[in-house]
Amino acid sequence: MHSHDTVNLNRSAFRTAIAFAIAALCALIAAESPAGEAIPVGFCRGGERPALRLADAPAGQAVLRAFGRDWAEVERDGERRGTVRAPEVRVPTLFTIETANRPIGELIVYPAQHAAEWDAELLVCVGDDVPAWFAEWLSALGVPHRIVETPSLTAEKLSRILAERKARRIVVAIGARNGGSEPEALARRQRQVAAPMVAFDLSWFGPPLEERTTLHATAAGSEIVAASGPRALAEIPVTSRRSPWNGVARRVAWLATPDGQPVIEAAAGPLPGHPLVFSYLPWQRILGRYDGADDLLLGVLRKAAAPAKPWPRPAVLRLLLPEGTMVESATRPVLTRHAAWLKESDQSVPERSRPFHDEWPTIPNTAADIAPPEVLLVDLRGPAVSRGDAERVITALESSLGRQPVVILGEDSAIDARLDELAKRIAEKRRPAALHRLPADDLPPGDAHVVELVLLLTRLGVDLGPIPEQKPNSPNH
């Protein structure tokens, strides 16, 4: 064995070796062990003796392998545990842990003196339910952090931790157990700790997606990729992820797939200055393997901890179609949530913006009774549009041509051609307020279409409110 050898590779050789090994790694990334379970991933620095988590496999000799050779023998401690002295490396290096030529674990080793660029006054509090790889990765990068018992964590305890560590800012990482079985539980948890949170792999995230995609930064997430650059971001392959949460709240994507589905997003929680950040990526299969991947997650943590920008004066939806009696929460959850939040928050709504909820508040604005900005919405989903309704909608849109954002949901042959003509005229005038068309026609909408509409309306300034702390039908709500 060569437990003390140095992995003597420069960056170019490292990339070349990884390229040749990519086919094998894809199988590993699919995370199939001999027992069909996920292959555990660990992180450490060269020269350390990490405690290894292993997939279930019969006891026997196990070795640490990379680049076609054995580097060290793994000391097994039962079927699922082991230890090994990590080789010294010059660049982050992926080792597999194998027994009888079958992978039962992975270990990513960083140089012994590796230190990530990090604000020493920013502390990461790692919940005791966050997967172990996260704290290991922070240690390997030299990022200050502290593991905490999340259920008993309070704002007062966080203040004491900040004082002890001489830090000024904090971000809390949270996992599935303490993230609760529903979004409302996470909102209550954030109220308890009064801090920004980054959530990993929560039970109420969407189901796993096994498909290859690439990552793109949105305008809101551009600062996250500043260190690595958009080219490095585009070269990070993602072969699996969780589907995004399908709920309705004020949500902003930071990183997304090419079709706009978020992989990292911030949702409004109960505290205006502290976002709830949701991560749908399998970071343990990305970090240390690709240029810029570490900087990417560090950027997410930094942005989560930064003070949230004030929410601008919100816009309201002016619904041109359908009639109010057709707008129900079971089929149009986004529209009904907007109406409910306006009523709940006592936001002012002008009379002309109340075609589908007569109970919407009409409290005058305090600023000289100025009406809030509007986003016009035409929902073509459902029954066919009558000729009279089509004429009414076209007349309304022409009267505000290009001056207000317009959202068209669904399609209808009675009006589609005229909407296309309107879109062309708006484009010719180069008006800043565009016409946005989401052609999905299903009622109730699919989860991806709910997320798409929520992100669009939030981007247009429509306030859908925070994640509530109680369900709407709860006796305490």
Protein backbone atom coordinates (compact mmCIF):
# COMPACT_ATOMS: atom_id res chain seq x y z
CA MET A 1 0.00 0.00 0.00
CA HIS A 2 1.00 3.64 -0.41
CA SER A 3 -0.80 5.38 2.43
CA HIS A 4 1.74 8.20 2.67
CA ASP A 5 2.32 8.77 -1.04
CA THR A 6 1.50 12.13 -2.50
CA VAL A 7 -1.07 12.41 -5.28
CA ASN A 8 1.33 14.40 -7.46
CA LEU A 9 -0.98 15.93 -10.03
CA ASN A 10 -1.21 19.42 -11.40
CA ARG A 11 -4.55 20.91 -12.34
CA SER A 12 -4.33 19.95 -16.00
CA ALA A 13 -3.48 16.33 -15.24
CA PHE A 14 -6.28 16.23 -12.70
CA ARG A 15 -8.83 17.35 -15.27
CA THR A 16 -7.55 14.85 -17.80
CA ALA A 17 -7.75 12.00 -15.33
CA ILE A 18 -11.27 12.98 -14.36
CA ALA A 19 -12.31 13.12 -18.00
CA PHE A 20 -11.11 9.55 -18.55
CA ALA A 21 -12.83 8.41 -15.38
CA ILE A 22 -16.13 10.17 -16.09
CA ALA A 23 -17.94 7.10 -17.34
CA ALA A 24 -17.10 5.23 -14.17
CA LEU A 25 -18.02 8.22 -12.05
CA CYS A 26 -21.42 8.50 -13.70
CA ALA A 27 -22.20 5.04 -12.39
CA LEU A 28 -21.07 6.10 -8.96
CA ILE A 29 -23.02 9.32 -9.12
CA ALA A 30 -26.06 7.20 -9.81
CA ALA A 31 -25.23 6.04 -6.27
CA GLU A 32 -25.73 2.31 -6.58
CA SER A 33 -23.86 0.20 -4.06
CA PRO A 34 -23.84 -3.60 -4.02
CA ALA A 35 -26.98 -3.44 -1.88
CA GLY A 36 -28.65 -0.93 -4.22
CA GLU A 37 -28.41 1.94 -1.72
CA ALA A 38 -26.82 5.37 -1.98
CA ILE A 39 -23.03 5.38 -1.77
CA PRO A 40 -21.97 7.55 1.21
CA VAL A 41 -19.66 10.48 0.49
CA GLY A 42 -17.17 11.99 2.94
CA PHE A 43 -14.81 14.97 2.90
CA CYS A 44 -11.50 15.58 4.67
CA ARG A 45 -8.01 17.05 4.30
CA GLY A 46 -4.89 15.15 3.36
CA GLY A 47 -3.19 13.49 6.34
CA GLU A 48 -6.39 13.26 8.40
CA ARG A 49 -8.01 10.02 9.56
CA PRO A 50 -11.71 10.55 8.87
CA ALA A 51 -14.44 8.26 10.11
CA LEU A 52 -15.86 6.70 6.96
CA ARG A 53 -19.48 5.89 6.29
CA LEU A 54 -19.82 2.85 4.05
CA ALA A 55 -22.61 1.20 2.16
CA ASP A 56 -23.81 -2.13 3.48
CA ALA A 57 -21.38 -4.81 2.29
CA PRO A 58 -19.93 -8.03 3.70
CA ALA A 59 -16.93 -7.58 5.96
CA GLY A 60 -13.61 -7.92 4.19
CA GLN A 61 -10.63 -5.98 2.93
CA ALA A 62 -11.42 -2.50 1.59
CA VAL A 63 -9.05 -0.10 -0.14
CA LEU A 64 -8.89 3.55 -1.09
CA ARG A 65 -8.53 3.85 -4.88
CA ALA A 66 -7.97 6.62 -7.42
CA PHE A 67 -6.50 6.80 -10.91
CA GLY A 68 -6.32 3.06 -11.30
CA ARG A 69 -4.29 2.22 -8.18
CA ASP A 70 -4.70 1.53 -4.47
CA TRP A 71 -3.58 4.28 -2.09
CA ALA A 72 -4.35 2.94 1.36
CA GLU A 73 -6.05 0.09 3.14
CA VAL A 74 -9.28 0.93 4.93
CA GLU A 75 -9.63 -0.31 8.48
CA ARG A 76 -13.16 -1.72 8.69
CA ASP A 77 -15.14 -1.13 11.86
CA GLY A 78 -18.16 -3.31 11.21
CA GLU A 79 -20.00 -3.42 7.90
CA ARG A 80 -20.81 0.30 7.60
CA ARG A 81 -17.88 2.05 9.26
CA GLY A 82 -14.18 2.40 8.72
CA THR A 83 -11.15 4.67 8.99
CA VAL A 84 -8.22 5.48 6.73
CA ARG A 85 -5.31 7.89 6.63
CA ALA A 86 -6.11 10.23 3.74
CA PRO A 87 -3.25 10.68 1.24
CA GLU A 88 -1.65 14.09 0.83
CA VAL A 89 -2.96 15.79 -2.30
CA ARG A 90 -2.29 19.00 -4.21
CA VAL A 91 -5.80 19.46 -5.59
CA PRO A 92 -9.19 18.18 -4.39
CA THR A 93 -9.20 14.51 -5.32
CA LEU A 94 -11.96 11.91 -5.44
CA PHE A 95 -11.14 8.47 -4.01
CA THR A 96 -13.44 5.48 -4.07
CA ILE A 97 -13.61 2.96 -1.26
CA GLU A 98 -13.86 -0.51 -2.74
CA THR A 99 -14.18 -4.05 -1.55
CA ALA A 100 -13.85 -6.91 -4.03
CA ASN A 101 -13.72 -4.25 -6.80
CA ARG A 102 -17.13 -2.90 -5.83
CA PRO A 103 -17.63 0.70 -4.57
CA ILE A 104 -18.97 1.07 -1.03
CA GLY A 105 -18.05 4.70 -0.39
CA GLU A 106 -16.38 7.86 -1.70
CA LEU A 107 -13.93 10.23 -0.03
CA ILE A 108 -13.00 13.63 -1.42
CA VAL A 109 -9.64 14.78 -0.06
CA TYR A 110 -8.52 18.41 -0.05
CA PRO A 111 -4.95 19.71 0.36
CA ALA A 112 -3.90 19.84 4.01
CA GLN A 113 -3.47 23.61 3.98
CA HIS A 114 -6.54 24.33 1.86
CA ALA A 115 -8.41 27.45 2.95
CA ALA A 116 -11.44 28.85 1.16
CA GLU A 117 -12.01 32.58 0.86
CA TRP A 118 -14.48 33.32 3.62
CA ASP A 119 -15.59 36.15 5.85
CA ALA A 120 -14.25 35.29 9.31
CA GLU A 121 -17.19 37.15 10.87
CA LEU A 122 -19.74 34.86 9.21
CA LEU A 123 -20.50 31.67 11.14
CA VAL A 124 -22.37 28.67 9.74
CA CYS A 125 -24.51 26.88 12.32
CA VAL A 126 -25.05 23.29 11.18
CA GLY A 127 -28.18 21.60 12.47
CA ASP A 128 -27.74 18.17 13.98
CA ASP A 129 -30.02 16.72 11.28
CA VAL A 130 -27.99 18.02 8.33
CA PRO A 131 -26.17 15.19 6.50
CA ALA A 132 -22.69 14.61 7.92
CA TRP A 133 -20.95 15.42 4.62
CA PHE A 134 -21.85 19.11 5.00
CA ALA A 135 -19.92 19.73 8.22
CA GLU A 136 -17.04 17.60 6.88
CA TRP A 137 -16.90 19.73 3.76
CA LEU A 138 -16.89 22.96 5.79
CA SER A 139 -14.00 21.58 7.87
CA ALA A 140 -12.04 20.58 4.77
CA LEU A 141 -12.39 24.15 3.45
CA GLY A 142 -11.60 25.79 6.79
CA VAL A 143 -14.99 27.53 7.00
CA PRO A 144 -15.93 28.43 10.61
CA HIS A 145 -18.96 26.51 11.74
CA ARG A 146 -20.62 24.98 14.76
CA ILE A 147 -22.91 21.97 15.02
CA VAL A 148 -26.03 22.77 17.03
CA GLU A 149 -29.06 20.90 18.33
CA THR A 150 -31.72 22.47 16.18
CA PRO A 151 -34.85 21.62 18.24
CA SER A 152 -33.57 23.59 21.23
CA LEU A 153 -31.99 26.39 19.20
CA THR A 154 -33.37 29.85 19.90
CA ALA A 155 -32.50 33.40 18.94
CA GLU A 156 -30.98 33.90 22.39
CA LYS A 157 -28.71 30.86 22.00
CA LEU A 158 -27.62 32.05 18.58
CA SER A 159 -26.69 35.42 20.07
CA ARG A 160 -24.51 33.70 22.66
CA ILE A 161 -22.86 31.55 19.99
CA LEU A 162 -22.08 34.65 17.94
CA ALA A 163 -20.50 36.31 20.95
CA GLU A 164 -18.45 33.21 21.82
CA ARG A 165 -17.14 32.88 18.27
CA LYS A 166 -16.68 36.63 17.81
CA ALA A 167 -18.85 36.54 14.71
CA ARG A 168 -21.26 39.18 13.50
CA ARG A 169 -23.43 37.26 11.08
CA ILE A 170 -24.85 33.77 11.00
CA VAL A 171 -26.65 31.35 8.69
CA VAL A 172 -28.33 28.16 9.89
CA ALA A 173 -28.26 24.96 7.83
CA ILE A 174 -31.19 22.66 8.47
CA GLY A 175 -32.07 19.12 7.37
CA ALA A 176 -35.08 16.88 6.96
CA ARG A 177 -35.82 16.01 10.59
CA ASN A 178 -35.97 19.57 11.91
CA GLY A 179 -37.29 21.00 8.66
CA GLY A 180 -40.62 19.46 9.60
CA SER A 181 -43.17 17.55 7.58
CA GLU A 182 -44.65 20.70 6.04
CA PRO A 183 -43.53 24.21 5.05
CA GLU A 184 -45.43 25.77 7.94
CA ALA A 185 -43.23 23.86 10.41
CA LEU A 186 -40.10 25.34 8.86
CA ALA A 187 -41.61 28.82 9.08
CA ARG A 188 -42.27 28.29 12.79
CA ARG A 189 -38.71 27.02 13.25
CA GLN A 190 -37.35 30.17 11.64
CA ARG A 191 -39.48 32.32 13.92
CA GLN A 192 -37.88 30.45 16.84
CA VAL A 193 -34.27 31.06 15.77
CA ALA A 194 -34.72 34.44 14.00
CA ALA A 195 -31.97 33.76 11.45
CA PRO A 196 -31.60 33.02 7.74
CA MET A 197 -31.83 29.33 6.92
CA VAL A 198 -30.56 27.06 4.15
CA ALA A 199 -32.56 23.82 3.94
CA PHE A 200 -31.24 20.57 2.46
CA ASP A 201 -33.33 17.61 1.27
CA LEU A 202 -36.53 18.33 3.20
CA SER A 203 -39.31 15.75 3.17
CA TRP A 204 -41.79 18.13 1.54
CA PHE A 205 -39.54 19.02 -1.37
CA GLY A 206 -40.68 17.48 -4.65
CA PRO A 207 -39.79 13.92 -5.67
CA PRO A 208 -36.33 13.03 -7.01
CA LEU A 209 -35.62 13.69 -10.68
CA GLU A 210 -33.12 11.43 -12.40
CA GLU A 211 -32.24 13.49 -15.46
CA ARG A 212 -29.19 15.30 -16.68
CA THR A 213 -29.29 19.09 -16.72
CA THR A 214 -27.08 22.15 -16.46
CA LEU A 215 -27.17 25.12 -14.10
CA HIS A 216 -27.81 28.76 -14.93
CA ALA A 217 -27.71 31.79 -12.67
CA THR A 218 -30.73 34.09 -12.64
CA ALA A 219 -30.39 37.85 -12.26
CA ALA A 220 -31.02 37.40 -8.53
CA GLY A 221 -28.28 34.78 -8.28
CA SER A 222 -25.59 36.45 -10.39
CA GLU A 223 -23.43 37.33 -7.37
CA ILE A 224 -23.34 33.64 -6.35
CA VAL A 225 -21.35 32.72 -9.44
CA ALA A 226 -19.05 35.74 -9.29
CA ALA A 227 -16.14 33.70 -7.91
CA SER A 228 -16.44 30.74 -10.29
CA GLY A 229 -17.90 32.43 -13.35
CA PRO A 230 -20.82 31.41 -15.59
CA ARG A 231 -18.65 29.15 -17.77
CA ALA A 232 -17.62 26.98 -14.81
CA LEU A 233 -21.26 26.91 -13.70
CA ALA A 234 -22.41 25.64 -17.08
CA GLU A 235 -19.79 22.87 -17.02
CA ILE A 236 -21.02 21.38 -13.73
CA PRO A 237 -23.16 18.37 -14.70
CA VAL A 238 -26.21 17.59 -12.60
CA THR A 239 -27.58 14.10 -13.08
CA SER A 240 -30.17 14.12 -10.30
CA ARG A 241 -31.94 16.58 -8.03
CA ARG A 242 -35.12 17.07 -6.03
CA SER A 243 -38.12 18.64 -7.70
CA PRO A 244 -38.86 22.08 -6.24
CA TRP A 245 -41.48 22.63 -3.58
CA ASN A 246 -44.86 23.12 -5.26
CA GLY A 247 -46.24 25.70 -2.84
CA VAL A 248 -47.31 29.31 -3.29
CA ALA A 249 -45.34 32.11 -1.64
CA ARG A 250 -43.01 34.92 -2.62
CA ARG A 251 -40.17 32.96 -4.25
CA VAL A 252 -37.06 33.95 -6.19
CA ALA A 253 -34.85 31.47 -8.04
CA TRP A 254 -31.08 31.98 -7.64
CA LEU A 255 -29.94 29.04 -9.76
CA ALA A 256 -32.18 27.28 -12.26
CA THR A 257 -32.28 24.69 -15.02
CA PRO A 258 -32.47 25.83 -18.66
CA ASP A 259 -36.28 25.57 -18.55
CA GLY A 260 -36.44 27.85 -15.50
CA GLN A 261 -37.11 25.34 -12.73
CA PRO A 262 -35.24 26.40 -9.56
CA VAL A 263 -32.45 24.32 -8.06
CA ILE A 264 -31.59 26.98 -5.47
CA GLU A 265 -34.26 29.46 -4.46
CA ALA A 266 -35.19 31.86 -1.68
CA ALA A 267 -38.70 31.96 -0.27
CA ALA A 268 -40.14 34.59 2.03
CA GLY A 269 -40.44 33.38 5.60
CA PRO A 270 -42.07 34.94 8.65
CA LEU A 271 -39.17 37.39 9.20
CA PRO A 272 -38.72 39.97 6.40
CA GLY A 273 -34.95 40.25 6.79
CA HIS A 274 -34.22 36.51 6.76
CA PRO A 275 -34.86 34.30 3.72
CA LEU A 276 -35.61 30.61 3.69
CA VAL A 277 -33.27 29.14 1.07
CA PHE A 278 -34.11 25.77 -0.48
CA SER A 279 -31.42 23.62 -2.09
CA TYR A 280 -32.56 20.84 -4.41
CA LEU A 281 -29.07 19.76 -5.53
CA PRO A 282 -27.12 16.63 -4.48
CA TRP A 283 -24.14 18.71 -3.38
CA GLN A 284 -22.17 15.72 -2.10
CA ARG A 285 -22.02 14.48 -5.71
CA ILE A 286 -20.78 17.87 -7.00
CA LEU A 287 -18.44 19.47 -4.45
CA GLY A 288 -14.73 18.90 -4.91
CA ARG A 289 -15.29 17.23 -8.29
CA TYR A 290 -15.72 20.21 -10.60
CA ASP A 291 -14.07 23.61 -10.88
CA GLY A 292 -16.17 26.26 -9.18
CA ALA A 293 -18.50 23.87 -7.35
CA ASP A 294 -17.14 24.73 -3.89
CA ASP A 295 -17.34 28.46 -4.63
CA LEU A 296 -20.93 27.97 -5.71
CA LEU A 297 -22.18 26.56 -2.40
CA LEU A 298 -20.08 29.07 -0.45
CA GLY A 299 -21.77 31.78 -2.50
CA VAL A 300 -25.20 30.42 -1.61
CA LEU A 301 -24.34 30.51 2.10
CA ARG A 302 -22.99 34.07 1.84
CA LYS A 303 -26.04 35.33 -0.02
CA ALA A 304 -28.39 33.61 2.43
CA ALA A 305 -26.65 35.37 5.33
CA ALA A 306 -26.68 38.80 3.68
CA PRO A 307 -29.38 41.25 4.76
CA ALA A 308 -32.43 40.87 2.55
CA LYS A 309 -33.28 43.80 0.33
CA PRO A 310 -36.57 45.55 1.16
CA TRP A 311 -39.51 44.24 -0.86
CA PRO A 312 -40.60 46.98 -3.30
CA ARG A 313 -44.12 48.30 -3.34
CA PRO A 314 -46.03 45.23 -4.48
CA ALA A 315 -48.16 45.01 -7.57
CA VAL A 316 -51.63 43.48 -7.65
CA LEU A 317 -53.21 41.26 -10.25
CA ARG A 318 -55.98 42.66 -12.39
CA LEU A 319 -57.76 39.57 -13.63
CA LEU A 320 -59.45 40.06 -17.01
CA LEU A 321 -60.53 36.43 -17.33
CA PRO A 322 -62.24 34.30 -16.00
CA GLU A 323 -65.25 35.37 -13.95
CA GLY A 324 -64.85 35.39 -10.19
CA THR A 325 -67.04 32.37 -9.60
CA MET A 326 -64.55 30.22 -11.56
CA VAL A 327 -61.55 31.06 -9.38
CA GLU A 328 -61.21 28.35 -6.74
CA SER A 329 -58.21 27.28 -4.68
CA ALA A 330 -58.44 23.68 -5.93
CA THR A 331 -57.91 24.70 -9.55
CA ARG A 332 -56.19 28.09 -9.36
CA PRO A 333 -54.12 28.04 -6.13
CA VAL A 334 -51.77 30.87 -7.13
CA LEU A 335 -54.54 33.38 -7.87
CA THR A 336 -56.50 32.57 -4.73
CA ARG A 337 -53.35 32.80 -2.58
CA HIS A 338 -52.66 36.28 -3.94
CA ALA A 339 -56.20 37.39 -3.11
CA ALA A 340 -56.05 35.85 0.37
CA TRP A 341 -52.70 37.49 1.13
CA LEU A 342 -53.96 40.92 0.07
CA LYS A 343 -56.87 40.54 2.47
CA GLU A 344 -54.68 39.11 5.24
CA SER A 345 -52.10 41.89 4.97
CA ASP A 346 -54.66 44.68 4.49
CA GLN A 347 -53.04 45.84 1.27
CA SER A 348 -54.95 48.38 -0.72
CA VAL A 349 -56.61 47.19 -3.91
CA PRO A 350 -58.36 49.58 -6.34
CA GLU A 351 -61.93 48.77 -7.30
CA ARG A 352 -61.04 47.94 -10.90
CA SER A 353 -58.68 45.20 -9.68
CA ARG A 354 -61.39 43.24 -7.88
CA PRO A 355 -63.22 41.30 -10.57
CA PHE A 356 -62.98 37.89 -8.91
CA HIS A 357 -62.90 38.41 -5.15
CA ASP A 358 -65.48 40.86 -3.83
CA GLU A 359 -64.08 40.47 -0.32
CA TRP A 360 -60.71 41.94 -1.31
CA PRO A 361 -59.90 44.96 0.90
CA THR A 362 -60.36 48.45 -0.54
CA ILE A 363 -58.54 50.37 2.18
CA PRO A 364 -57.24 53.65 0.71
CA ASN A 365 -53.51 53.99 0.25
CA THR A 366 -51.84 56.24 2.80
CA ALA A 367 -49.54 57.79 0.17
CA ALA A 368 -52.01 60.24 -1.35
CA ASP A 369 -54.34 57.38 -2.28
CA ILE A 370 -52.02 56.26 -5.07
CA ALA A 371 -53.14 52.97 -6.58
CA PRO A 372 -50.57 50.14 -6.55
CA PRO A 373 -49.04 49.00 -9.84
CA GLU A 374 -50.98 46.32 -11.66
CA VAL A 375 -50.15 43.19 -13.61
CA LEU A 376 -52.88 42.23 -16.08
CA LEU A 377 -53.70 38.53 -16.17
CA VAL A 378 -55.76 36.57 -18.69
CA ASP A 379 -56.44 32.98 -17.70
CA LEU A 380 -57.59 30.99 -20.74
CA ARG A 381 -57.51 27.66 -18.94
CA GLY A 382 -60.88 25.97 -18.57
CA PRO A 383 -64.01 26.46 -20.73
CA ALA A 384 -63.73 27.99 -24.20
CA VAL A 385 -63.67 31.79 -24.31
CA SER A 386 -66.81 33.40 -25.71
CA ARG A 387 -66.61 35.93 -28.52
CA GLY A 388 -67.80 38.66 -26.18
CA ASP A 389 -65.15 37.89 -23.56
CA ALA A 390 -62.48 37.77 -26.25
CA GLU A 391 -63.43 41.24 -27.49
CA ARG A 392 -63.51 42.62 -23.94
CA VAL A 393 -60.05 41.25 -23.15
CA ILE A 394 -58.48 42.51 -26.38
CA THR A 395 -59.98 45.98 -25.83
CA ALA A 396 -58.58 46.11 -22.29
CA LEU A 397 -55.13 44.98 -23.42
CA GLU A 398 -55.04 47.45 -26.32
CA SER A 399 -55.91 50.33 -24.00
CA SER A 400 -52.82 49.58 -21.88
CA LEU A 401 -50.60 48.40 -24.72
CA GLY A 402 -47.08 47.90 -23.42
CA ARG A 403 -47.56 50.08 -20.34
CA GLN A 404 -48.34 47.23 -17.92
CA PRO A 405 -47.02 43.69 -17.70
CA VAL A 406 -49.46 41.12 -19.09
CA VAL A 407 -49.54 37.43 -18.20
CA ILE A 408 -51.46 35.00 -20.42
CA LEU A 409 -52.16 31.52 -19.01
CA GLY A 410 -53.22 28.70 -21.31
CA GLU A 411 -54.40 28.85 -24.90
CA ASP A 412 -57.71 29.34 -26.69
CA SER A 413 -58.30 29.38 -30.44
CA ALA A 414 -60.86 32.18 -30.11
CA ILE A 415 -58.23 34.67 -28.97
CA ASP A 416 -54.72 33.24 -29.58
CA ALA A 417 -54.16 34.86 -32.97
CA ARG A 418 -55.12 38.31 -31.70
CA LEU A 419 -52.87 37.88 -28.65
CA ASP A 420 -50.00 37.01 -30.97
CA GLU A 421 -50.63 40.21 -32.89
CA LEU A 422 -50.66 42.22 -29.66
CA ALA A 423 -47.36 40.66 -28.59
CA LYS A 424 -45.85 41.64 -31.93
CA ARG A 425 -47.04 45.25 -31.58
CA ILE A 426 -45.66 45.45 -28.03
CA ALA A 427 -42.30 44.16 -29.23
CA GLU A 428 -42.23 46.69 -32.08
CA LYS A 429 -42.83 49.54 -29.65
CA ARG A 430 -40.00 48.22 -27.44
CA ARG A 431 -42.08 48.81 -24.36
CA PRO A 432 -40.48 47.72 -21.08
CA ALA A 433 -43.65 45.99 -19.91
CA ALA A 434 -43.73 42.73 -21.83
CA LEU A 435 -46.37 40.15 -22.53
CA HIS A 436 -45.62 36.81 -20.85
CA ARG A 437 -47.28 33.65 -22.14
CA LEU A 438 -47.40 30.38 -20.18
CA PRO A 439 -49.17 27.96 -22.56
CA ALA A 440 -49.79 25.07 -20.13
CA ASP A 441 -53.56 24.46 -20.22
CA ASP A 442 -54.14 22.01 -17.37
CA LEU A 443 -56.58 22.64 -14.53
CA PRO A 444 -55.60 22.03 -11.84
CA PRO A 445 -52.07 22.90 -12.94
CA GLY A 446 -49.14 20.53 -12.56
CA ASP A 447 -46.49 21.24 -9.92
CA ALA A 448 -43.96 22.56 -12.44
CA HIS A 449 -46.51 24.98 -13.85
CA VAL A 450 -47.42 26.26 -10.37
CA VAL A 451 -43.74 26.93 -9.69
CA GLU A 452 -43.32 28.62 -13.09
CA LEU A 453 -46.24 31.00 -12.45
CA VAL A 454 -45.17 31.77 -8.88
CA LEU A 455 -41.65 32.70 -9.97
CA LEU A 456 -42.94 34.85 -12.83
CA LEU A 457 -45.43 36.77 -10.68
CA THR A 458 -42.81 37.33 -7.98
CA ARG A 459 -40.42 38.66 -10.62
CA LEU A 460 -43.15 41.04 -11.83
CA GLY A 461 -43.62 42.33 -8.29
CA VAL A 462 -46.88 40.55 -7.43
CA ASP A 463 -46.89 39.80 -3.71
CA LEU A 464 -47.89 36.22 -2.90
CA GLY A 465 -46.94 36.57 0.75
CA PRO A 466 -44.56 34.53 2.92
CA ILE A 467 -44.78 30.89 3.85
CA PRO A 468 -47.40 30.98 6.62
CA GLU A 469 -46.73 29.58 10.07
CA GLN A 470 -50.09 27.80 10.13
CA LYS A 471 -52.09 26.09 7.42
CA PRO A 472 -54.93 28.27 6.09
CA ASN A 473 -57.58 25.92 7.54
CA SER A 474 -55.81 25.66 10.90
CA PRO A 475 -57.84 26.87 13.90
CA ASN A 476 -54.87 29.06 14.84
CA HIS A 477 -54.60 30.67 11.42
